[in-house]
Amino acid sequence: MSDHHEAERRQELHGYVIGLILAVVLSALPFGGVMLGLLPKTSLLWLIAIAAICQVIVHFRFFLHIDLSRSHRDDLQLILFSLLIVALMVGGTLWVLGNQRHMMG
């Protein structure tokens, strides 16, 4: 039984190391793109957006252990619904404040 736990622990640690490496690379790519200035601004914005989406997927998969398996779908749906509610609240607030600014000026 101890060997089984040790193998599970090694596999989990392996997943964390892979996740850490991917997270560092996905953070370094946009940072390097901005610092080196090799890309035009539109391409740079696309690089940042794509790296951010990949970063979210990496964190869900390797650190939060949420994937598309049947048992984790409910957790993923809950997280996505919460993000939708937050996005609606922030977007609505910005919309109202933008309209108010437009009316004042």
Protein backbone atom coordinates (compact mmCIF):
# COMPACT_ATOMS: atom_id res chain seq x y z
CA MET A 1 0.00 0.00 0.00
CA SER A 2 2.91 2.35 0.70
CA ASP A 3 4.24 1.87 -2.83
CA HIS A 4 0.85 2.82 -4.25
CA HIS A 5 0.77 6.05 -2.20
CA GLU A 6 4.33 6.86 -3.19
CA ALA A 7 3.50 6.36 -6.87
CA GLU A 8 0.44 8.63 -6.54
CA ARG A 9 2.54 11.25 -4.78
CA ARG A 10 5.19 11.14 -7.51
CA GLN A 11 2.56 11.39 -10.24
CA GLU A 12 0.94 14.38 -8.51
CA LEU A 13 4.31 16.07 -8.04
CA HIS A 14 5.13 15.42 -11.70
CA GLY A 15 1.88 17.14 -12.69
CA TYR A 16 2.70 20.14 -10.50
CA VAL A 17 6.18 20.45 -12.03
CA ILE A 18 4.77 20.31 -15.57
CA GLY A 19 2.16 22.91 -14.62
CA LEU A 20 4.81 25.18 -13.10
CA ILE A 21 7.01 24.96 -16.20
CA LEU A 22 4.06 25.69 -18.50
CA ALA A 23 2.92 28.60 -16.31
CA VAL A 24 6.41 30.14 -16.30
CA VAL A 25 6.73 29.78 -20.09
CA LEU A 26 3.25 31.23 -20.65
CA SER A 27 4.15 34.18 -18.43
CA ALA A 28 7.57 34.71 -20.00
CA LEU A 29 6.31 34.76 -23.61
CA PRO A 30 4.17 37.92 -23.32
CA PHE A 31 6.68 39.55 -20.98
CA GLY A 32 9.49 38.91 -23.45
CA GLY A 33 7.32 40.10 -26.31
CA VAL A 34 6.68 43.41 -24.57
CA MET A 35 10.25 43.91 -23.37
CA LEU A 36 11.89 43.06 -26.70
CA GLY A 37 9.31 44.89 -28.82
CA LEU A 38 9.76 42.54 -31.77
CA LEU A 39 6.05 42.30 -32.58
CA PRO A 40 3.58 44.93 -33.75
CA LYS A 41 1.05 46.03 -31.12
CA THR A 42 -1.87 44.04 -32.53
CA SER A 43 0.17 40.84 -32.68
CA LEU A 44 1.43 41.53 -29.17
CA LEU A 45 -2.13 41.91 -27.87
CA TRP A 46 -3.07 38.61 -29.52
CA LEU A 47 -0.02 36.93 -27.95
CA ILE A 48 -0.98 38.23 -24.51
CA ALA A 49 -4.62 37.14 -24.92
CA ILE A 50 -3.76 33.65 -26.17
CA ALA A 51 -1.13 33.17 -23.45
CA ALA A 52 -3.67 34.29 -20.83
CA ILE A 53 -6.27 31.78 -22.03
CA CYS A 54 -3.66 29.01 -22.09
CA GLN A 55 -2.54 30.07 -18.61
CA VAL A 56 -6.11 29.67 -17.30
CA ILE A 57 -6.35 26.21 -18.86
CA VAL A 58 -2.99 25.19 -17.35
CA HIS A 59 -4.03 26.37 -13.90
CA PHE A 60 -7.39 24.57 -14.12
CA ARG A 61 -5.79 21.34 -15.27
CA PHE A 62 -2.57 21.10 -13.27
CA PHE A 63 -3.24 23.07 -10.09
CA LEU A 64 -7.00 22.93 -9.55
CA HIS A 65 -7.26 19.40 -11.04
CA ILE A 66 -10.31 20.34 -13.11
CA ASP A 67 -10.52 18.65 -16.48
CA LEU A 68 -13.32 17.48 -18.74
CA SER A 69 -13.89 14.17 -16.97
CA ARG A 70 -17.42 13.44 -15.84
CA SER A 71 -16.73 14.00 -12.12
CA HIS A 72 -15.11 17.42 -12.61
CA ARG A 73 -17.59 18.90 -15.10
CA ASP A 74 -19.84 20.20 -12.33
CA ASP A 75 -16.91 22.05 -10.75
CA LEU A 76 -15.95 23.53 -14.11
CA GLN A 77 -19.53 24.63 -14.81
CA LEU A 78 -19.71 26.29 -11.39
CA ILE A 79 -16.48 28.18 -12.00
CA LEU A 80 -17.55 29.27 -15.49
CA PHE A 81 -20.96 30.42 -14.22
CA SER A 82 -19.27 32.41 -11.45
CA LEU A 83 -16.99 34.03 -14.02
CA LEU A 84 -20.01 34.89 -16.15
CA ILE A 85 -21.73 36.58 -13.21
CA VAL A 86 -18.59 38.56 -12.35
CA ALA A 87 -18.12 39.58 -16.00
CA LEU A 88 -21.74 40.74 -16.19
CA MET A 89 -21.37 42.77 -13.01
CA VAL A 90 -18.11 44.40 -14.09
CA GLY A 91 -19.32 44.96 -17.65
CA GLY A 92 -22.62 46.44 -16.46
CA THR A 93 -20.85 48.75 -14.04
CA LEU A 94 -18.46 49.97 -16.73
CA TRP A 95 -21.36 50.47 -19.11
CA VAL A 96 -23.33 52.54 -16.60
CA LEU A 97 -20.29 54.61 -15.65
CA GLY A 98 -19.46 55.18 -19.33
CA ASN A 99 -22.99 56.36 -20.05
CA GLN A 100 -22.91 58.60 -17.00
CA ARG A 101 -19.60 60.13 -18.11
CA HIS A 102 -21.00 60.69 -21.60
CA MET A 103 -24.07 62.45 -20.19
CA MET A 104 -21.96 64.66 -17.91
CA GLY A 105 -19.62 65.85 -20.63
